[in-house]
């Protein structure tokens, strides 16, 4: 009977040791930490998907607004072009830059200038220009010049 009691105590000790090992083991704690990290990552991924979906929705709305704005601008440009084409006068109806009187005065001024230039007679020049002198000083010759303002010792 001592053997049966010893085997029972041994079995009871093994069972208690197994349970204590499971509760206190580091692998169980690591498993809990990994499970927490996995759930946190899943939460972050779900939030990221929501953010991306919201961003794409906002971008779609902006592109639609830009498209409608461009279409409105194109319609306005077409209307402006049509109005300008209708409002453009023909060449016969265009207004001159200068009035009739001003154009006549300009024509007279041009005619007077041409007459003045034609009346001026070209006189042949027989004299040398004033910057040439009849008595050269010899300053630019290769001859040595005498110095006149030196101190006499």
Protein backbone atom coordinates (compact mmCIF):
# COMPACT_ATOMS: atom_id res chain seq x y z
CA UNK A 1 0.00 0.00 0.00
CA UNK A 2 2.90 2.26 0.50
CA UNK A 3 3.61 1.86 -3.15
CA UNK A 4 0.09 2.90 -4.12
CA UNK A 5 0.28 5.96 -1.90
CA UNK A 6 3.67 6.85 -3.36
CA UNK A 7 2.35 6.46 -6.91
CA UNK A 8 -0.74 8.58 -6.03
CA UNK A 9 1.41 11.32 -4.49
CA UNK A 10 3.70 11.17 -7.49
CA UNK A 11 0.72 11.50 -9.92
CA UNK A 12 -0.77 14.33 -7.89
CA UNK A 13 2.58 16.15 -7.83
CA UNK A 14 3.01 15.68 -11.60
CA UNK A 15 -0.46 17.08 -12.28
CA UNK A 16 0.12 20.09 -10.03
CA UNK A 17 3.54 20.65 -11.60
CA UNK A 18 2.07 20.49 -15.10
CA UNK A 19 -0.63 23.04 -14.22
CA UNK A 20 1.88 25.36 -12.51
CA UNK A 21 4.25 25.09 -15.48
CA UNK A 22 1.46 26.05 -17.89
CA UNK A 23 0.46 29.08 -15.87
CA UNK A 24 3.89 30.35 -15.09
CA UNK A 25 5.68 29.51 -18.31
CA UNK A 26 7.11 32.29 -20.48
CA UNK A 27 5.77 30.77 -23.62
CA UNK A 28 2.23 31.28 -22.40
CA UNK A 29 3.00 34.94 -21.69
CA UNK A 30 4.60 35.29 -25.12
CA UNK A 31 1.52 33.77 -26.70
CA UNK A 32 -0.64 36.34 -24.94
CA UNK A 33 1.62 39.18 -26.12
CA UNK A 34 1.58 37.90 -29.68
CA UNK A 35 -2.19 37.61 -29.56
CA UNK A 36 -2.43 41.22 -28.35
CA UNK A 37 -0.08 42.40 -31.10
CA UNK A 38 -2.06 40.50 -33.72
CA UNK A 39 -5.32 42.05 -32.58
CA UNK A 40 -3.69 45.51 -32.51
CA UNK A 41 -2.35 44.99 -36.04
CA UNK A 42 -5.76 43.91 -37.25
CA UNK A 43 -7.29 47.02 -35.68
CA UNK A 44 -4.64 49.25 -37.31
CA UNK A 45 -5.18 47.55 -40.68
CA UNK A 46 -8.93 48.06 -40.47
CA UNK A 47 -8.42 51.75 -39.59
CA UNK A 48 -5.93 52.14 -42.46
CA UNK A 49 -8.42 50.61 -44.90
CA UNK A 50 -11.07 53.06 -43.69
CA UNK A 51 -8.67 55.99 -44.08
CA UNK A 52 -7.70 54.94 -47.61
CA UNK A 53 -11.35 54.46 -48.58
CA UNK A 54 -12.20 57.91 -47.19
CA UNK A 55 -9.25 59.48 -49.04
CA UNK A 56 -10.26 57.86 -52.33
CA UNK A 57 -13.84 59.01 -51.86
CA UNK A 58 -12.68 62.57 -51.20
CA UNK A 59 -10.37 62.45 -54.24
CA UNK A 60 -13.24 61.24 -56.39
CA UNK A 61 -15.40 64.14 -55.23
CA UNK A 62 -12.62 66.64 -55.98
CA UNK A 63 -12.11 65.20 -59.46
CA UNK A 64 -15.84 65.42 -60.15
CA UNK A 65 -15.84 69.07 -59.04
CA UNK A 66 -12.82 69.77 -61.23
CA UNK A 67 -14.51 68.08 -64.19
CA UNK A 68 -17.69 70.14 -63.79
CA UNK A 69 -15.64 73.32 -63.41
CA UNK A 70 -13.70 72.53 -66.60
CA UNK A 71 -16.93 71.84 -68.48
CA UNK A 72 -18.39 75.15 -67.30
CA UNK A 73 -15.20 76.96 -68.35
CA UNK A 74 -15.32 75.33 -71.78
CA UNK A 75 -18.96 76.38 -72.22
CA UNK A 76 -18.12 79.95 -71.22
CA UNK A 77 -15.18 79.99 -73.66
CA UNK A 78 -17.44 78.76 -76.47
CA UNK A 79 -20.05 81.41 -75.66
CA UNK A 80 -17.39 84.14 -75.51
CA UNK A 81 -15.94 83.00 -78.82
CA UNK A 82 -19.37 83.08 -80.46
CA UNK A 83 -20.06 86.54 -79.05
CA UNK A 84 -16.71 87.86 -80.25
CA UNK A 85 -17.23 86.42 -83.70
CA UNK A 86 -20.64 88.06 -83.91
CA UNK A 87 -19.35 91.39 -82.57
CA UNK A 88 -16.27 91.59 -84.82
CA UNK A 89 -16.93 94.27 -87.45
CA UNK A 90 -15.97 93.75 -91.06
CA UNK A 91 -12.98 95.59 -92.50
CA UNK A 92 -15.18 98.25 -94.05
CA UNK A 93 -16.77 99.10 -90.73
CA UNK A 94 -13.55 99.34 -88.73
CA UNK A 95 -12.71 102.68 -87.15
CA UNK A 96 -9.38 104.23 -88.21
CA UNK A 97 -6.70 104.75 -85.60
CA UNK A 98 -6.31 108.45 -86.41
CA UNK A 99 -9.05 110.86 -87.43
CA UNK A 100 -9.22 112.13 -91.00
CA UNK A 101 -7.77 115.53 -90.06
CA UNK A 102 -4.86 113.95 -88.20
CA UNK A 103 -4.06 111.69 -91.14
CA UNK A 104 -4.03 114.73 -93.47
CA UNK A 105 -1.69 116.64 -91.13
CA UNK A 106 0.66 113.67 -90.91
CA UNK A 107 0.73 113.38 -94.70
CA UNK A 108 1.56 117.09 -95.01
CA UNK A 109 4.36 116.80 -92.44
CA UNK A 110 5.91 113.87 -94.26
CA UNK A 111 5.69 115.72 -97.59
CA UNK A 112 7.36 118.83 -96.10
CA UNK A 113 10.25 116.82 -94.73
CA UNK A 114 10.85 115.16 -98.07
CA UNK A 115 10.80 118.57 -99.79
CA UNK A 116 13.34 120.00 -97.31
CA UNK A 117 15.70 117.08 -97.85
CA UNK A 118 15.42 117.47 -101.62
CA UNK A 119 16.08 121.26 -101.46
CA UNK A 120 19.30 120.86 -99.51
CA UNK A 121 22.16 120.78 -101.92
CA UNK A 122 25.19 118.82 -101.07
CA UNK A 123 28.23 121.08 -101.05
CA UNK A 124 31.55 119.33 -101.64
CA UNK A 125 33.97 119.95 -98.80
CA UNK A 126 37.35 121.30 -99.75
CA UNK A 127 38.68 122.06 -96.31
CA UNK A 128 39.95 119.54 -93.81
CA UNK A 129 37.91 118.99 -90.68
CA UNK A 130 38.71 121.19 -87.68
CA UNK A 131 40.30 118.39 -85.74
CA UNK A 132 43.21 118.37 -88.23
CA UNK A 133 45.70 121.13 -87.75
CA UNK A 134 47.99 122.71 -90.30
CA UNK A 135 50.88 122.85 -87.76
CA UNK A 136 51.40 119.41 -86.22
CA UNK A 137 52.99 119.40 -82.77
CA UNK A 138 54.88 116.16 -83.27
CA UNK A 139 53.38 114.71 -80.11
CA UNK A 140 52.56 111.42 -81.74
CA UNK A 141 55.81 111.13 -83.67
CA UNK A 142 58.49 108.72 -82.48
CA UNK A 143 60.81 111.64 -81.85
CA UNK A 144 61.89 112.51 -78.33
CA UNK A 145 60.32 115.65 -76.93
CA UNK A 146 61.98 118.10 -74.60
CA UNK A 147 60.63 118.36 -71.11
CA UNK A 148 59.69 121.91 -70.20
CA UNK A 149 58.51 121.68 -66.61
CA UNK A 150 61.43 120.05 -64.83
CA UNK A 151 63.14 121.60 -61.81
CA UNK A 152 66.50 123.10 -62.44
CA UNK A 153 69.06 122.12 -59.86
